[in-house]
Amino acid sequence: GQVFSDAADAIMEYIGADQAYIESGLSYFTVETRIRYLDETKAGERIYVNTRVLNADGKKLKLLHEMHHVDGRLLATGEQMLIHVDLNSRRACLPQTEVLAKSEQLAAAHKRLPKPDYLSWNNLKFQVIATLERLHMQFGLTEEQQMIVDMTKKFVEQELYPHEAEVE
């Protein structure tokens, strides 16, 4: 997780949300992360992280980090959702114009790159099915509730999933 935090900090510096920006009372807070550990690496091995801006939409900033071994192996991925915050009020707010413009420019440039199929935020079926499975695991459903879950899964798979690419 620390490697991805450091990578996000590098993006923050690049877009102008640096230490001076934070001292002015504005910053981004991470509100959600999803990390996939794919391969092992040992202390001292050389790695690098590629980070891209998936979306810069007002207060929201979505990042994708891919950690690689220097031999090219993909070791881990991290999806990160950040919200821009006024540090005095502790409430979400729009970033300064220059910061927003720079993050939008990065998002536009990175949008031309192929989208990995593993992105959870772009996988509507994954989100809905995972939520339904958590409900079942946490609460133990009655037969009628399970029937509703099954019908919802079927709807997602047949009606929503074919249109998933259209949903952001």
N, C-alpha and C. Protein backbone atom coordinates (compact mmCIF):
# COMPACT_ATOMS: atom_id res chain seq x y z
N GLY A 1 0.79 -1.18 0.00
CA GLY A 1 0.00 0.00 0.00
C GLY A 1 0.85 1.27 0.00
N GLN A 2 1.99 1.24 0.71
CA GLN A 2 2.82 2.44 0.82
C GLN A 2 3.37 2.86 -0.54
N VAL A 3 3.73 1.87 -1.35
CA VAL A 3 4.28 2.17 -2.68
C VAL A 3 3.24 2.93 -3.51
N PHE A 4 1.97 2.51 -3.41
CA PHE A 4 0.92 3.19 -4.16
C PHE A 4 0.64 4.58 -3.58
N SER A 5 0.73 4.72 -2.26
CA SER A 5 0.57 6.05 -1.65
C SER A 5 1.65 6.99 -2.15
N ASP A 6 2.88 6.50 -2.23
CA ASP A 6 3.97 7.32 -2.74
C ASP A 6 3.74 7.71 -4.20
N ALA A 7 3.22 6.77 -4.98
CA ALA A 7 2.92 7.05 -6.39
C ALA A 7 1.82 8.11 -6.50
N ALA A 8 0.80 8.02 -5.64
CA ALA A 8 -0.27 9.03 -5.64
C ALA A 8 0.30 10.39 -5.26
N ASP A 9 1.22 10.41 -4.30
CA ASP A 9 1.85 11.67 -3.91
C ASP A 9 2.60 12.30 -5.09
N ALA A 10 3.24 11.47 -5.91
CA ALA A 10 3.95 11.99 -7.09
C ALA A 10 2.96 12.63 -8.07
N ILE A 11 1.80 12.01 -8.25
CA ILE A 11 0.76 12.59 -9.12
C ILE A 11 0.28 13.91 -8.52
N MET A 12 0.07 13.93 -7.21
CA MET A 12 -0.39 15.16 -6.54
C MET A 12 0.61 16.29 -6.78
N GLU A 13 1.88 16.00 -6.63
CA GLU A 13 2.91 17.02 -6.89
C GLU A 13 2.83 17.51 -8.33
N TYR A 14 2.67 16.57 -9.26
CA TYR A 14 2.65 16.91 -10.68
C TYR A 14 1.49 17.85 -11.03
N ILE A 15 0.31 17.58 -10.43
CA ILE A 15 -0.87 18.39 -10.77
C ILE A 15 -0.92 19.69 -9.96
N GLY A 16 0.01 19.85 -9.02
CA GLY A 16 0.06 21.08 -8.24
C GLY A 16 -0.55 20.98 -6.85
N ALA A 17 -1.00 19.80 -6.46
CA ALA A 17 -1.53 19.60 -5.11
C ALA A 17 -0.37 19.18 -4.21
N ASP A 18 0.63 20.06 -4.12
CA ASP A 18 1.87 19.78 -3.41
C ASP A 18 1.79 20.30 -1.96
N GLN A 19 2.92 20.34 -1.28
CA GLN A 19 2.96 20.76 0.12
C GLN A 19 2.42 22.18 0.30
N ALA A 20 2.77 23.08 -0.61
CA ALA A 20 2.27 24.46 -0.52
C ALA A 20 0.75 24.50 -0.68
N TYR A 21 0.22 23.65 -1.55
CA TYR A 21 -1.23 23.55 -1.77
C TYR A 21 -1.91 23.08 -0.48
N ILE A 22 -1.32 22.07 0.13
CA ILE A 22 -1.87 21.54 1.39
C ILE A 22 -1.82 22.62 2.47
N GLU A 23 -0.71 23.33 2.55
CA GLU A 23 -0.58 24.40 3.54
C GLU A 23 -1.58 25.53 3.29
N SER A 24 -2.06 25.66 2.04
CA SER A 24 -3.08 26.67 1.74
C SER A 24 -4.47 26.23 2.20
N GLY A 25 -4.57 24.98 2.66
CA GLY A 25 -5.85 24.51 3.20
C GLY A 25 -6.64 23.60 2.29
N LEU A 26 -6.00 23.07 1.24
CA LEU A 26 -6.69 22.18 0.31
C LEU A 26 -5.88 20.92 0.11
N SER A 27 -6.57 19.81 -0.16
CA SER A 27 -5.87 18.55 -0.40
C SER A 27 -6.84 17.53 -0.97
N TYR A 28 -6.31 16.37 -1.28
CA TYR A 28 -7.12 15.22 -1.69
C TYR A 28 -7.05 14.18 -0.59
N PHE A 29 -8.18 13.56 -0.28
CA PHE A 29 -8.23 12.45 0.66
C PHE A 29 -8.57 11.18 -0.12
N THR A 30 -7.90 10.09 0.20
CA THR A 30 -8.27 8.79 -0.36
C THR A 30 -9.52 8.30 0.36
N VAL A 31 -10.54 7.95 -0.42
CA VAL A 31 -11.78 7.45 0.18
C VAL A 31 -12.04 5.98 -0.13
N GLU A 32 -11.31 5.44 -1.12
CA GLU A 32 -11.49 4.02 -1.45
C GLU A 32 -10.24 3.53 -2.17
N THR A 33 -9.84 2.32 -1.83
CA THR A 33 -8.75 1.66 -2.55
C THR A 33 -9.11 0.20 -2.76
N ARG A 34 -8.55 -0.34 -3.81
CA ARG A 34 -8.67 -1.78 -4.09
C ARG A 34 -7.30 -2.22 -4.58
N ILE A 35 -6.66 -3.10 -3.81
CA ILE A 35 -5.33 -3.58 -4.16
C ILE A 35 -5.41 -5.07 -4.49
N ARG A 36 -4.80 -5.43 -5.60
CA ARG A 36 -4.69 -6.85 -5.98
C ARG A 36 -3.22 -7.22 -5.92
N TYR A 37 -2.90 -8.21 -5.09
CA TYR A 37 -1.53 -8.71 -4.98
C TYR A 37 -1.41 -9.90 -5.93
N LEU A 38 -0.57 -9.79 -6.94
CA LEU A 38 -0.52 -10.78 -8.00
C LEU A 38 0.72 -11.67 -7.97
N ASP A 39 1.83 -11.14 -7.50
CA ASP A 39 3.07 -11.90 -7.48
C ASP A 39 3.92 -11.39 -6.32
N GLU A 40 4.82 -12.22 -5.88
CA GLU A 40 5.65 -11.90 -4.73
C GLU A 40 6.89 -11.12 -5.14
N THR A 41 7.30 -10.24 -4.25
CA THR A 41 8.58 -9.56 -4.38
C THR A 41 9.21 -9.53 -3.00
N LYS A 42 10.50 -9.52 -2.97
CA LYS A 42 11.21 -9.54 -1.69
C LYS A 42 11.86 -8.19 -1.43
N ALA A 43 12.10 -7.93 -0.14
CA ALA A 43 12.76 -6.67 0.25
C ALA A 43 14.07 -6.53 -0.51
N GLY A 44 14.30 -5.35 -1.02
CA GLY A 44 15.53 -5.07 -1.75
C GLY A 44 15.43 -5.26 -3.25
N GLU A 45 14.39 -5.96 -3.71
CA GLU A 45 14.24 -6.13 -5.16
C GLU A 45 13.79 -4.81 -5.77
N ARG A 46 14.20 -4.58 -7.01
CA ARG A 46 13.87 -3.32 -7.68
C ARG A 46 12.50 -3.42 -8.34
N ILE A 47 11.71 -2.40 -8.08
CA ILE A 47 10.36 -2.32 -8.64
C ILE A 47 10.14 -0.92 -9.21
N TYR A 48 9.08 -0.78 -9.99
CA TYR A 48 8.64 0.54 -10.42
C TYR A 48 7.12 0.53 -10.49
N VAL A 49 6.54 1.72 -10.44
CA VAL A 49 5.09 1.86 -10.49
C VAL A 49 4.71 2.79 -11.63
N ASN A 50 3.77 2.34 -12.44
CA ASN A 50 3.14 3.19 -13.45
C ASN A 50 1.80 3.63 -12.88
N THR A 51 1.52 4.92 -12.94
CA THR A 51 0.26 5.44 -12.44
C THR A 51 -0.42 6.21 -13.54
N ARG A 52 -1.71 6.03 -13.65
CA ARG A 52 -2.47 6.83 -14.61
C ARG A 52 -3.72 7.40 -13.95
N VAL A 53 -4.16 8.51 -14.47
CA VAL A 53 -5.39 9.13 -14.00
C VAL A 53 -6.52 8.58 -14.85
N LEU A 54 -7.40 7.82 -14.21
CA LEU A 54 -8.53 7.24 -14.94
C LEU A 54 -9.63 8.26 -15.16
N ASN A 55 -9.80 9.15 -14.18
CA ASN A 55 -10.88 10.12 -14.28
C ASN A 55 -10.58 11.31 -13.38
N ALA A 56 -10.83 12.48 -13.87
CA ALA A 56 -10.74 13.71 -13.09
C ALA A 56 -12.04 14.45 -13.32
N ASP A 57 -12.94 14.34 -12.36
CA ASP A 57 -14.29 14.87 -12.53
C ASP A 57 -14.63 15.75 -11.33
N GLY A 58 -14.33 17.03 -11.44
CA GLY A 58 -14.63 17.93 -10.34
C GLY A 58 -13.85 17.55 -9.10
N LYS A 59 -14.59 17.20 -8.04
CA LYS A 59 -13.98 16.84 -6.76
C LYS A 59 -13.36 15.45 -6.76
N LYS A 60 -13.73 14.61 -7.73
CA LYS A 60 -13.28 13.21 -7.74
C LYS A 60 -12.06 13.01 -8.63
N LEU A 61 -11.15 12.17 -8.15
CA LEU A 61 -9.96 11.82 -8.91
C LEU A 61 -9.74 10.32 -8.74
N LYS A 62 -9.72 9.58 -9.85
CA LYS A 62 -9.50 8.13 -9.82
C LYS A 62 -8.13 7.82 -10.41
N LEU A 63 -7.34 7.06 -9.65
CA LEU A 63 -6.01 6.66 -10.10
C LEU A 63 -5.92 5.16 -10.24
N LEU A 64 -5.07 4.72 -11.14
CA LEU A 64 -4.73 3.31 -11.29
C LEU A 64 -3.23 3.18 -11.19
N HIS A 65 -2.76 2.35 -10.27
CA HIS A 65 -1.34 2.09 -10.09
C HIS A 65 -1.06 0.64 -10.50
N GLU A 66 0.04 0.44 -11.20
CA GLU A 66 0.50 -0.91 -11.53
C GLU A 66 1.96 -1.03 -11.09
N MET A 67 2.21 -1.93 -10.14
CA MET A 67 3.57 -2.14 -9.63
C MET A 67 4.20 -3.31 -10.39
N HIS A 68 5.37 -3.04 -10.96
CA HIS A 68 6.09 -4.04 -11.75
C HIS A 68 7.46 -4.33 -11.13
N HIS A 69 7.91 -5.54 -11.29
CA HIS A 69 9.31 -5.88 -11.00
C HIS A 69 10.12 -5.36 -12.18
N VAL A 70 11.41 -5.07 -11.98
CA VAL A 70 12.21 -4.57 -13.10
C VAL A 70 12.29 -5.57 -14.25
N ASP A 71 11.99 -6.84 -13.97
CA ASP A 71 11.98 -7.83 -15.06
C ASP A 71 10.68 -7.79 -15.87
N GLY A 72 9.77 -6.88 -15.48
CA GLY A 72 8.53 -6.69 -16.23
C GLY A 72 7.30 -7.35 -15.63
N ARG A 73 7.48 -8.25 -14.66
CA ARG A 73 6.32 -8.93 -14.06
C ARG A 73 5.41 -7.93 -13.35
N LEU A 74 4.12 -8.08 -13.55
CA LEU A 74 3.13 -7.27 -12.83
C LEU A 74 2.97 -7.87 -11.44
N LEU A 75 3.31 -7.08 -10.42
CA LEU A 75 3.29 -7.58 -9.04
C LEU A 75 1.98 -7.26 -8.31
N ALA A 76 1.44 -6.08 -8.57
CA ALA A 76 0.22 -5.66 -7.88
C ALA A 76 -0.42 -4.52 -8.65
N THR A 77 -1.71 -4.36 -8.44
CA THR A 77 -2.43 -3.20 -8.99
C THR A 77 -3.17 -2.53 -7.85
N GLY A 78 -3.35 -1.23 -7.98
CA GLY A 78 -4.10 -0.49 -6.98
C GLY A 78 -4.99 0.53 -7.64
N GLU A 79 -6.27 0.47 -7.31
CA GLU A 79 -7.22 1.47 -7.77
C GLU A 79 -7.49 2.38 -6.58
N GLN A 80 -7.50 3.68 -6.83
CA GLN A 80 -7.61 4.63 -5.74
C GLN A 80 -8.58 5.74 -6.12
N MET A 81 -9.56 5.96 -5.27
CA MET A 81 -10.51 7.05 -5.45
C MET A 81 -10.20 8.12 -4.42
N LEU A 82 -9.98 9.34 -4.91
CA LEU A 82 -9.68 10.46 -4.03
C LEU A 82 -10.76 11.53 -4.18
N ILE A 83 -11.00 12.24 -3.10
CA ILE A 83 -11.95 13.35 -3.10
C ILE A 83 -11.19 14.59 -2.66
N HIS A 84 -11.41 15.70 -3.36
CA HIS A 84 -10.77 16.96 -3.01
C HIS A 84 -11.50 17.57 -1.81
N VAL A 85 -10.70 18.07 -0.84
CA VAL A 85 -11.26 18.50 0.44
C VAL A 85 -10.69 19.86 0.86
N ASP A 86 -11.56 20.66 1.47
CA ASP A 86 -11.14 21.88 2.16
C ASP A 86 -10.72 21.43 3.56
N LEU A 87 -9.46 21.62 3.90
CA LEU A 87 -8.94 21.11 5.18
C LEU A 87 -9.50 21.86 6.39
N ASN A 88 -9.99 23.07 6.18
CA ASN A 88 -10.57 23.82 7.30
C ASN A 88 -11.98 23.35 7.62
N SER A 89 -12.81 23.20 6.61
CA SER A 89 -14.20 22.76 6.84
C SER A 89 -14.32 21.24 6.89
N ARG A 90 -13.26 20.55 6.39
CA ARG A 90 -13.25 19.08 6.30
C ARG A 90 -14.39 18.57 5.41
N ARG A 91 -14.74 19.36 4.40
CA ARG A 91 -15.79 19.00 3.46
C ARG A 91 -15.23 18.98 2.04
N ALA A 92 -15.87 18.18 1.20
CA ALA A 92 -15.46 18.10 -0.20
C ALA A 92 -15.69 19.44 -0.88
N CYS A 93 -14.77 19.77 -1.78
CA CYS A 93 -14.89 21.01 -2.55
C CYS A 93 -14.12 20.84 -3.86
N LEU A 94 -14.37 21.74 -4.79
CA LEU A 94 -13.65 21.70 -6.05
C LEU A 94 -12.20 22.11 -5.85
N PRO A 95 -11.28 21.50 -6.60
CA PRO A 95 -9.88 21.93 -6.52
C PRO A 95 -9.71 23.30 -7.18
N GLN A 96 -8.56 23.93 -6.92
CA GLN A 96 -8.25 25.18 -7.60
C GLN A 96 -8.20 24.92 -9.10
N THR A 97 -8.49 25.93 -9.88
CA THR A 97 -8.60 25.82 -11.33
C THR A 97 -7.39 25.16 -11.97
N GLU A 98 -6.18 25.57 -11.56
CA GLU A 98 -4.95 25.02 -12.17
C GLU A 98 -4.80 23.53 -11.88
N VAL A 99 -5.13 23.13 -10.65
CA VAL A 99 -5.01 21.72 -10.24
C VAL A 99 -6.02 20.88 -11.02
N LEU A 100 -7.24 21.37 -11.10
CA LEU A 100 -8.27 20.65 -11.85
C LEU A 100 -7.89 20.54 -13.33
N ALA A 101 -7.42 21.61 -13.92
CA ALA A 101 -7.03 21.60 -15.34
C ALA A 101 -5.92 20.59 -15.59
N LYS A 102 -4.93 20.56 -14.73
CA LYS A 102 -3.80 19.64 -14.91
C LYS A 102 -4.26 18.18 -14.75
N SER A 103 -5.14 17.92 -13.78
CA SER A 103 -5.63 16.55 -13.60
C SER A 103 -6.52 16.13 -14.77
N GLU A 104 -7.31 17.05 -15.31
CA GLU A 104 -8.14 16.76 -16.49
C GLU A 104 -7.27 16.47 -17.71
N GLN A 105 -6.17 17.22 -17.86
CA GLN A 105 -5.25 16.98 -18.98
C GLN A 105 -4.63 15.58 -18.88
N LEU A 106 -4.23 15.20 -17.68
CA LEU A 106 -3.66 13.85 -17.49
C LEU A 106 -4.71 12.78 -17.80
N ALA A 107 -5.92 12.98 -17.29
CA ALA A 107 -6.98 12.01 -17.53
C ALA A 107 -7.25 11.86 -19.02
N ALA A 108 -7.28 12.97 -19.74
CA ALA A 108 -7.52 12.92 -21.19
C ALA A 108 -6.41 12.17 -21.90
N ALA A 109 -5.16 12.44 -21.51
CA ALA A 109 -4.03 11.75 -22.14
C ALA A 109 -4.05 10.26 -21.81
N HIS A 110 -4.35 9.92 -20.57
CA HIS A 110 -4.35 8.51 -20.15
C HIS A 110 -5.55 7.74 -20.68
N LYS A 111 -6.61 8.47 -21.06
CA LYS A 111 -7.81 7.80 -21.59
C LYS A 111 -7.51 7.08 -22.91
N ARG A 112 -6.48 7.52 -23.60
CA ARG A 112 -6.11 6.91 -24.88
C ARG A 112 -5.46 5.53 -24.68
N LEU A 113 -5.00 5.26 -23.46
CA LEU A 113 -4.38 3.96 -23.17
C LEU A 113 -5.46 2.88 -23.06
N PRO A 114 -5.13 1.64 -23.39
CA PRO A 114 -6.13 0.58 -23.25
C PRO A 114 -6.54 0.40 -21.79
N LYS A 115 -7.84 0.17 -21.57
CA LYS A 115 -8.36 -0.01 -20.21
C LYS A 115 -8.20 -1.47 -19.80
N PRO A 116 -7.53 -1.72 -18.68
CA PRO A 116 -7.41 -3.11 -18.22
C PRO A 116 -8.79 -3.68 -17.89
N ASP A 117 -8.97 -4.96 -18.14
CA ASP A 117 -10.27 -5.58 -17.89
C ASP A 117 -10.54 -5.83 -16.41
N TYR A 118 -9.55 -5.68 -15.56
CA TYR A 118 -9.71 -5.98 -14.14
C TYR A 118 -10.23 -4.79 -13.32
N LEU A 119 -10.41 -3.64 -13.93
CA LEU A 119 -10.83 -2.47 -13.17
C LEU A 119 -12.20 -2.69 -12.52
N SER A 120 -12.24 -2.59 -11.20
CA SER A 120 -13.50 -2.84 -10.50
C SER A 120 -14.50 -1.72 -10.69
N TRP A 121 -14.03 -0.46 -10.77
CA TRP A 121 -14.97 0.64 -10.90
C TRP A 121 -15.67 0.62 -12.25
N ASN A 122 -15.09 -0.02 -13.22
CA ASN A 122 -15.72 -0.10 -14.53
C ASN A 122 -16.45 -1.40 -14.73
N ASN A 123 -16.48 -2.24 -13.73
CA ASN A 123 -17.09 -3.54 -13.87
C ASN A 123 -18.38 -3.59 -13.06
N LEU A 124 -19.46 -3.15 -13.66
CA LEU A 124 -20.75 -3.07 -12.99
C LEU A 124 -21.20 -4.43 -12.49
N LYS A 125 -21.04 -5.44 -13.31
CA LYS A 125 -21.43 -6.78 -12.90
C LYS A 125 -20.68 -7.18 -11.64
N PHE A 126 -19.39 -6.95 -11.61
CA PHE A 126 -18.58 -7.30 -10.45
C PHE A 126 -19.11 -6.60 -9.20
N GLN A 127 -19.41 -5.32 -9.31
CA GLN A 127 -19.87 -4.55 -8.15
C GLN A 127 -21.18 -5.09 -7.61
N VAL A 128 -22.14 -5.29 -8.47
CA VAL A 128 -23.46 -5.74 -8.03
C VAL A 128 -23.38 -7.15 -7.46
N ILE A 129 -22.74 -8.05 -8.17
CA ILE A 129 -22.65 -9.44 -7.71
C ILE A 129 -21.89 -9.52 -6.39
N ALA A 130 -20.80 -8.80 -6.27
CA ALA A 130 -20.02 -8.82 -5.02
C ALA A 130 -20.86 -8.31 -3.85
N THR A 131 -21.64 -7.27 -4.07
CA THR A 131 -22.51 -6.75 -3.01
C THR A 131 -23.55 -7.78 -2.61
N LEU A 132 -24.15 -8.43 -3.59
CA LEU A 132 -25.15 -9.45 -3.29
C LEU A 132 -24.53 -10.62 -2.53
N GLU A 133 -23.33 -11.02 -2.91
CA GLU A 133 -22.66 -12.13 -2.21
C GLU A 133 -22.34 -11.74 -0.77
N ARG A 134 -21.91 -10.49 -0.56
CA ARG A 134 -21.63 -10.04 0.81
C ARG A 134 -22.89 -10.08 1.66
N LEU A 135 -24.02 -9.65 1.10
CA LEU A 135 -25.28 -9.71 1.83
C LEU A 135 -25.59 -11.13 2.26
N HIS A 136 -25.43 -12.04 1.32
CA HIS A 136 -25.72 -13.45 1.61
C HIS A 136 -24.80 -13.97 2.71
N MET A 137 -23.51 -13.67 2.62
CA MET A 137 -22.54 -14.17 3.59
C MET A 137 -22.74 -13.55 4.97
N GLN A 138 -23.07 -12.26 5.02
CA GLN A 138 -23.16 -11.58 6.30
C GLN A 138 -24.47 -11.83 7.03
N PHE A 139 -25.55 -12.03 6.30
CA PHE A 139 -26.85 -12.07 6.96
C PHE A 139 -27.56 -13.40 6.84
N GLY A 140 -27.13 -14.28 5.96
CA GLY A 140 -27.86 -15.52 5.78
C GLY A 140 -29.29 -15.21 5.34
N LEU A 141 -29.60 -15.45 4.12
CA LEU A 141 -30.87 -15.02 3.55
C LEU A 141 -31.94 -16.10 3.65
N THR A 142 -33.19 -15.63 3.77
CA THR A 142 -34.31 -16.57 3.71
C THR A 142 -34.45 -17.05 2.27
N GLU A 143 -35.29 -18.02 2.07
CA GLU A 143 -35.49 -18.55 0.72
C GLU A 143 -36.02 -17.46 -0.22
N GLU A 144 -36.95 -16.65 0.29
CA GLU A 144 -37.52 -15.57 -0.52
C GLU A 144 -36.45 -14.51 -0.85
N GLN A 145 -35.63 -14.15 0.14
CA GLN A 145 -34.57 -13.18 -0.10
C GLN A 145 -33.54 -13.72 -1.10
N GLN A 146 -33.23 -15.01 -0.99
CA GLN A 146 -32.28 -15.61 -1.93
C GLN A 146 -32.85 -15.59 -3.34
N MET A 147 -34.17 -15.78 -3.47
CA MET A 147 -34.80 -15.72 -4.78
C MET A 147 -34.65 -14.32 -5.38
N ILE A 148 -34.80 -13.28 -4.55
CA ILE A 148 -34.64 -11.91 -5.02
C ILE A 148 -33.19 -11.68 -5.45
N VAL A 149 -32.24 -12.17 -4.68
CA VAL A 149 -30.82 -12.05 -5.03
C VAL A 149 -30.56 -12.74 -6.36
N ASP A 150 -31.07 -13.94 -6.53
CA ASP A 150 -30.86 -14.68 -7.78
C ASP A 150 -31.48 -13.95 -8.97
N MET A 151 -32.66 -13.38 -8.79
CA MET A 151 -33.30 -12.63 -9.87
C MET A 151 -32.47 -11.39 -10.21
N THR A 152 -31.94 -10.72 -9.20
CA THR A 152 -31.12 -9.53 -9.43
C THR A 152 -29.85 -9.90 -10.18
N LYS A 153 -29.20 -11.00 -9.77
CA LYS A 153 -28.00 -11.46 -10.48
C LYS A 153 -28.31 -11.73 -11.95
N LYS A 154 -29.43 -12.40 -12.19
CA LYS A 154 -29.82 -12.73 -13.56
C LYS A 154 -30.05 -11.45 -14.37
N PHE A 155 -30.72 -10.46 -13.75
CA PHE A 155 -30.97 -9.20 -14.42
C PHE A 155 -29.65 -8.52 -14.77
N VAL A 156 -28.73 -8.48 -13.81
CA VAL A 156 -27.44 -7.84 -14.04
C VAL A 156 -26.72 -8.51 -15.20
N GLU A 157 -26.69 -9.84 -15.18
CA GLU A 157 -25.97 -10.58 -16.21
C GLU A 157 -26.60 -10.44 -17.59
N GLN A 158 -27.93 -10.40 -17.65
CA GLN A 158 -28.61 -10.37 -18.95
C GLN A 158 -28.90 -8.96 -19.47
N GLU A 159 -29.17 -8.04 -18.56
CA GLU A 159 -29.62 -6.71 -19.00
C GLU A 159 -28.55 -5.62 -18.84
N LEU A 160 -27.81 -5.66 -17.75
CA LEU A 160 -26.84 -4.59 -17.51
C LEU A 160 -25.46 -4.92 -18.08
N TYR A 161 -25.03 -6.14 -17.89
CA TYR A 161 -23.67 -6.49 -18.30
C TYR A 161 -23.40 -6.21 -19.79
N PRO A 162 -24.35 -6.50 -20.69
CA PRO A 162 -24.07 -6.18 -22.11
C PRO A 162 -23.84 -4.69 -22.37
N HIS A 163 -24.29 -3.83 -21.48
CA HIS A 163 -24.15 -2.38 -21.66
C HIS A 163 -23.10 -1.79 -20.74
N GLU A 164 -22.30 -2.63 -20.12
CA GLU A 164 -21.33 -2.20 -19.12
C GLU A 164 -20.35 -1.15 -19.64
N ALA A 165 -19.94 -1.26 -20.87
CA ALA A 165 -18.97 -0.32 -21.43
C ALA A 165 -19.52 1.10 -21.48
N GLU A 166 -20.86 1.23 -21.50
CA GLU A 166 -21.47 2.54 -21.56
C GLU A 166 -21.58 3.20 -20.19
N VAL A 167 -21.35 2.43 -19.12
CA VAL A 167 -21.50 2.92 -17.76
C VAL A 167 -20.15 3.28 -17.20
N GLU A 168 -19.99 4.46 -16.70
CA GLU A 168 -18.71 4.89 -16.07
C GLU A 168 -18.80 4.68 -14.60
